[in-house]
Amino acid sequence: MKKIYQITDDKERLKFMNYRFFQANGYNEINLKELGYTLVAKTDLEEMEIIFRESNTGNVNGCITLIAEGMHSLSVSDIIIDQDEQSWFCDSIGFTKVKTL
């Protein structure tokens, strides 16, 4: 099961910013709670690109279970945490493995 996190409280103005921007502003480790991330959905889909596509085509196959109201399509700055607790940042191109707290 993969968990999808999105910034819902954008105090730091980081929503939709790429990982290079996060790093340039001192966020080499991402504290989900401190930066306003919320668990918005879960999925059993295996591949990140398929999760991205499903999210961005309206979840027509019902493969993503919404947990929070207002989840937007998977976008830059969103984080997926996989079943091994590894975190993946949805970046400008592809996904970047990151450390989350």
N, C-alpha and C. Protein backbone atom coordinates (compact mmCIF):
# COMPACT_ATOMS: atom_id res chain seq x y z
N MET A 1 0.85 -1.18 0.00
CA MET A 1 0.00 0.00 0.00
C MET A 1 0.89 1.24 0.00
N LYS A 2 0.65 2.13 -0.91
CA LYS A 2 1.38 3.40 -0.98
C LYS A 2 0.48 4.51 -0.46
N LYS A 3 1.10 5.47 0.23
CA LYS A 3 0.37 6.61 0.79
C LYS A 3 0.76 7.86 0.02
N ILE A 4 -0.23 8.67 -0.30
CA ILE A 4 0.00 9.90 -1.05
C ILE A 4 -0.23 11.10 -0.12
N TYR A 5 0.78 11.96 -0.06
CA TYR A 5 0.72 13.16 0.77
C TYR A 5 0.77 14.40 -0.13
N GLN A 6 -0.03 15.39 0.22
CA GLN A 6 -0.02 16.66 -0.48
C GLN A 6 0.02 17.79 0.54
N ILE A 7 0.59 18.91 0.12
CA ILE A 7 0.62 20.09 1.00
C ILE A 7 -0.78 20.69 1.03
N THR A 8 -1.34 20.74 2.23
CA THR A 8 -2.67 21.33 2.38
C THR A 8 -2.63 22.62 3.20
N ASP A 9 -1.54 22.83 3.91
CA ASP A 9 -1.34 24.05 4.68
C ASP A 9 0.00 24.64 4.23
N ASP A 10 -0.05 25.54 3.27
CA ASP A 10 1.17 25.99 2.57
C ASP A 10 1.80 27.22 3.22
N LYS A 11 2.15 27.09 4.49
CA LYS A 11 2.77 28.21 5.23
C LYS A 11 4.09 28.64 4.60
N GLU A 12 4.84 27.69 4.09
CA GLU A 12 6.17 27.97 3.55
C GLU A 12 6.16 28.27 2.04
N ARG A 13 4.99 28.25 1.44
CA ARG A 13 4.84 28.53 0.00
C ARG A 13 5.68 27.56 -0.85
N LEU A 14 5.50 26.28 -0.57
CA LEU A 14 6.26 25.24 -1.26
C LEU A 14 5.41 24.41 -2.22
N LYS A 15 4.11 24.55 -2.13
CA LYS A 15 3.22 23.74 -2.98
C LYS A 15 3.54 23.97 -4.45
N PHE A 16 3.70 22.89 -5.18
CA PHE A 16 3.99 22.85 -6.62
C PHE A 16 5.42 23.26 -6.95
N MET A 17 6.30 23.35 -5.95
CA MET A 17 7.71 23.66 -6.20
C MET A 17 8.50 22.36 -6.37
N ASN A 18 9.51 22.38 -7.23
CA ASN A 18 10.30 21.16 -7.45
C ASN A 18 11.30 20.94 -6.32
N TYR A 19 11.93 19.76 -6.34
CA TYR A 19 12.84 19.41 -5.25
C TYR A 19 14.07 20.31 -5.21
N ARG A 20 14.52 20.76 -6.35
CA ARG A 20 15.66 21.69 -6.37
C ARG A 20 15.32 22.96 -5.57
N PHE A 21 14.10 23.45 -5.69
CA PHE A 21 13.65 24.61 -4.92
C PHE A 21 13.66 24.28 -3.42
N PHE A 22 13.17 23.10 -3.06
CA PHE A 22 13.19 22.68 -1.65
C PHE A 22 14.61 22.70 -1.12
N GLN A 23 15.54 22.09 -1.87
CA GLN A 23 16.94 22.04 -1.44
C GLN A 23 17.54 23.43 -1.33
N ALA A 24 17.27 24.29 -2.30
CA ALA A 24 17.82 25.65 -2.29
C ALA A 24 17.34 26.45 -1.09
N ASN A 25 16.21 26.03 -0.52
CA ASN A 25 15.66 26.71 0.64
C ASN A 25 15.91 25.94 1.94
N GLY A 26 16.85 25.00 1.89
CA GLY A 26 17.29 24.30 3.10
C GLY A 26 16.49 23.09 3.51
N TYR A 27 15.60 22.63 2.66
CA TYR A 27 14.77 21.47 3.00
C TYR A 27 15.33 20.20 2.36
N ASN A 28 16.46 19.72 2.90
CA ASN A 28 17.05 18.48 2.39
C ASN A 28 16.35 17.27 2.95
N GLU A 29 15.80 17.40 4.15
CA GLU A 29 14.92 16.40 4.74
C GLU A 29 13.55 17.06 4.83
N ILE A 30 12.52 16.31 4.52
CA ILE A 30 11.19 16.91 4.47
C ILE A 30 10.37 16.46 5.68
N ASN A 31 10.08 17.40 6.56
CA ASN A 31 9.26 17.13 7.73
C ASN A 31 7.81 17.33 7.29
N LEU A 32 7.11 16.21 7.10
CA LEU A 32 5.76 16.26 6.55
C LEU A 32 4.83 17.14 7.37
N LYS A 33 4.84 16.96 8.67
CA LYS A 33 3.93 17.73 9.52
C LYS A 33 4.29 19.21 9.52
N GLU A 34 5.58 19.51 9.68
CA GLU A 34 6.04 20.90 9.74
C GLU A 34 5.75 21.67 8.46
N LEU A 35 5.82 20.98 7.32
CA LEU A 35 5.62 21.66 6.03
C LEU A 35 4.18 21.59 5.53
N GLY A 36 3.27 21.11 6.36
CA GLY A 36 1.85 21.14 6.03
C GLY A 36 1.35 20.04 5.12
N TYR A 37 2.06 18.91 5.09
CA TYR A 37 1.60 17.77 4.28
C TYR A 37 0.50 17.00 5.02
N THR A 38 -0.45 16.50 4.26
CA THR A 38 -1.56 15.70 4.78
C THR A 38 -1.68 14.43 3.96
N LEU A 39 -1.95 13.31 4.62
CA LEU A 39 -2.24 12.07 3.91
C LEU A 39 -3.58 12.24 3.22
N VAL A 40 -3.59 12.18 1.89
CA VAL A 40 -4.83 12.42 1.15
C VAL A 40 -5.38 11.18 0.46
N ALA A 41 -4.52 10.16 0.24
CA ALA A 41 -4.99 8.99 -0.48
C ALA A 41 -4.05 7.81 -0.27
N LYS A 42 -4.57 6.62 -0.62
CA LYS A 42 -3.78 5.39 -0.60
C LYS A 42 -4.05 4.63 -1.90
N THR A 43 -3.08 3.81 -2.28
CA THR A 43 -3.26 3.00 -3.48
C THR A 43 -2.41 1.74 -3.41
N ASP A 44 -2.88 0.70 -4.08
CA ASP A 44 -2.11 -0.55 -4.21
C ASP A 44 -1.37 -0.60 -5.54
N LEU A 45 -1.51 0.43 -6.35
CA LEU A 45 -0.78 0.46 -7.62
C LEU A 45 0.72 0.41 -7.34
N GLU A 46 1.46 -0.30 -8.17
CA GLU A 46 2.89 -0.51 -7.92
C GLU A 46 3.77 0.61 -8.47
N GLU A 47 3.56 1.01 -9.70
CA GLU A 47 4.49 1.93 -10.37
C GLU A 47 4.07 3.39 -10.19
N MET A 48 5.06 4.21 -9.89
CA MET A 48 4.81 5.63 -9.66
C MET A 48 4.16 6.30 -10.87
N GLU A 49 4.64 5.98 -12.05
CA GLU A 49 4.09 6.60 -13.26
C GLU A 49 2.63 6.23 -13.47
N ILE A 50 2.25 5.02 -13.08
CA ILE A 50 0.84 4.61 -13.20
C ILE A 50 -0.01 5.35 -12.17
N ILE A 51 0.53 5.54 -10.96
CA ILE A 51 -0.18 6.32 -9.94
C ILE A 51 -0.39 7.75 -10.46
N PHE A 52 0.67 8.32 -11.02
CA PHE A 52 0.58 9.67 -11.56
C PHE A 52 -0.50 9.75 -12.65
N ARG A 53 -0.46 8.82 -13.59
CA ARG A 53 -1.43 8.82 -14.69
C ARG A 53 -2.85 8.64 -14.18
N GLU A 54 -3.05 7.70 -13.27
CA GLU A 54 -4.40 7.44 -12.74
C GLU A 54 -4.94 8.68 -12.02
N SER A 55 -4.08 9.32 -11.23
CA SER A 55 -4.49 10.52 -10.50
C SER A 55 -4.84 11.66 -11.45
N ASN A 56 -4.11 11.75 -12.55
CA ASN A 56 -4.30 12.86 -13.47
C ASN A 56 -5.35 12.60 -14.55
N THR A 57 -5.97 11.43 -14.52
CA THR A 57 -7.07 11.16 -15.44
C THR A 57 -8.37 10.94 -14.68
N GLY A 58 -8.43 11.49 -13.47
CA GLY A 58 -9.67 11.46 -12.70
C GLY A 58 -9.94 10.18 -11.94
N ASN A 59 -8.91 9.32 -11.78
CA ASN A 59 -9.07 8.07 -11.03
C ASN A 59 -10.25 7.26 -11.57
N VAL A 60 -10.39 7.22 -12.89
CA VAL A 60 -11.53 6.56 -13.52
C VAL A 60 -11.60 5.07 -13.22
N ASN A 61 -10.46 4.46 -12.92
CA ASN A 61 -10.45 3.03 -12.61
C ASN A 61 -10.64 2.75 -11.12
N GLY A 62 -10.74 3.81 -10.32
CA GLY A 62 -10.98 3.64 -8.90
C GLY A 62 -9.83 2.99 -8.14
N CYS A 63 -8.62 3.15 -8.63
CA CYS A 63 -7.44 2.51 -8.04
C CYS A 63 -6.85 3.31 -6.90
N ILE A 64 -7.32 4.52 -6.69
CA ILE A 64 -6.81 5.38 -5.63
C ILE A 64 -7.95 5.64 -4.65
N THR A 65 -7.70 5.33 -3.39
CA THR A 65 -8.71 5.54 -2.35
C THR A 65 -8.47 6.89 -1.69
N LEU A 66 -9.42 7.78 -1.83
CA LEU A 66 -9.30 9.12 -1.25
C LEU A 66 -9.53 9.05 0.26
N ILE A 67 -8.69 9.76 0.99
CA ILE A 67 -8.80 9.80 2.44
C ILE A 67 -9.20 11.19 2.90
N ALA A 68 -8.73 12.21 2.21
CA ALA A 68 -9.02 13.60 2.60
C ALA A 68 -9.76 14.30 1.47
N GLU A 69 -10.64 15.19 1.86
CA GLU A 69 -11.35 16.01 0.88
C GLU A 69 -10.36 16.92 0.16
N GLY A 70 -10.62 17.17 -1.09
CA GLY A 70 -9.86 18.16 -1.83
C GLY A 70 -8.54 17.69 -2.42
N MET A 71 -8.33 16.38 -2.52
CA MET A 71 -7.10 15.92 -3.16
C MET A 71 -7.11 16.40 -4.60
N HIS A 72 -5.99 17.05 -5.01
CA HIS A 72 -5.85 17.44 -6.41
C HIS A 72 -5.07 16.35 -7.13
N SER A 73 -5.01 16.42 -8.43
CA SER A 73 -4.24 15.43 -9.18
C SER A 73 -2.80 15.47 -8.71
N LEU A 74 -2.12 14.33 -8.80
CA LEU A 74 -0.74 14.24 -8.35
C LEU A 74 0.11 15.25 -9.10
N SER A 75 0.85 16.06 -8.35
CA SER A 75 1.60 17.17 -8.93
C SER A 75 2.95 17.32 -8.26
N VAL A 76 3.76 18.21 -8.82
CA VAL A 76 5.07 18.52 -8.25
C VAL A 76 4.89 18.94 -6.79
N SER A 77 5.74 18.43 -5.94
CA SER A 77 5.83 18.63 -4.49
C SER A 77 5.04 17.58 -3.70
N ASP A 78 4.22 16.76 -4.36
CA ASP A 78 3.52 15.70 -3.65
C ASP A 78 4.50 14.58 -3.33
N ILE A 79 4.19 13.82 -2.29
CA ILE A 79 5.08 12.75 -1.85
C ILE A 79 4.31 11.45 -1.76
N ILE A 80 4.94 10.38 -2.26
CA ILE A 80 4.39 9.04 -2.13
C ILE A 80 5.33 8.25 -1.22
N ILE A 81 4.77 7.63 -0.22
CA ILE A 81 5.56 6.76 0.66
C ILE A 81 5.14 5.33 0.36
N ASP A 82 6.14 4.51 -0.02
CA ASP A 82 5.82 3.15 -0.43
C ASP A 82 5.76 2.20 0.77
N GLN A 83 5.47 0.94 0.47
CA GLN A 83 5.30 -0.08 1.51
C GLN A 83 6.59 -0.34 2.30
N ASP A 84 7.74 0.05 1.77
CA ASP A 84 9.02 -0.10 2.47
C ASP A 84 9.39 1.18 3.23
N GLU A 85 8.43 2.12 3.31
CA GLU A 85 8.63 3.41 3.98
C GLU A 85 9.66 4.30 3.29
N GLN A 86 9.90 4.07 2.01
CA GLN A 86 10.75 4.96 1.22
C GLN A 86 9.86 6.06 0.64
N SER A 87 10.38 7.28 0.65
CA SER A 87 9.60 8.44 0.22
C SER A 87 10.05 8.90 -1.16
N TRP A 88 9.07 9.23 -2.00
CA TRP A 88 9.33 9.65 -3.37
C TRP A 88 8.64 10.97 -3.62
N PHE A 89 9.42 11.97 -4.01
CA PHE A 89 8.95 13.32 -4.28
C PHE A 89 8.57 13.41 -5.74
N CYS A 90 7.34 13.84 -6.03
CA CYS A 90 6.92 14.04 -7.42
C CYS A 90 7.60 15.32 -7.89
N ASP A 91 8.56 15.16 -8.79
CA ASP A 91 9.40 16.28 -9.21
C ASP A 91 8.96 16.78 -10.59
N SER A 92 9.68 17.76 -11.10
CA SER A 92 9.34 18.32 -12.41
C SER A 92 9.34 17.24 -13.49
N ILE A 93 10.29 16.34 -13.40
CA ILE A 93 10.35 15.19 -14.30
C ILE A 93 10.59 13.96 -13.45
N GLY A 94 9.63 13.07 -13.37
CA GLY A 94 9.79 11.84 -12.63
C GLY A 94 9.69 12.02 -11.12
N PHE A 95 10.29 11.07 -10.41
CA PHE A 95 10.23 11.03 -8.95
C PHE A 95 11.63 11.00 -8.38
N THR A 96 11.84 11.70 -7.28
CA THR A 96 13.13 11.77 -6.61
C THR A 96 12.98 11.15 -5.22
N LYS A 97 13.87 10.23 -4.90
CA LYS A 97 13.85 9.62 -3.56
C LYS A 97 14.31 10.67 -2.56
N VAL A 98 13.55 10.84 -1.47
CA VAL A 98 13.87 11.85 -0.46
C VAL A 98 13.76 11.23 0.94
N LYS A 99 14.31 11.94 1.90
CA LYS A 99 14.16 11.54 3.29
C LYS A 99 13.07 12.38 3.91
N THR A 100 12.10 11.69 4.54
CA THR A 100 11.02 12.41 5.22
C THR A 100 11.09 12.13 6.70
N LEU A 101 10.57 13.07 7.45
CA LEU A 101 10.49 12.93 8.92
C LEU A 101 9.05 12.94 9.34
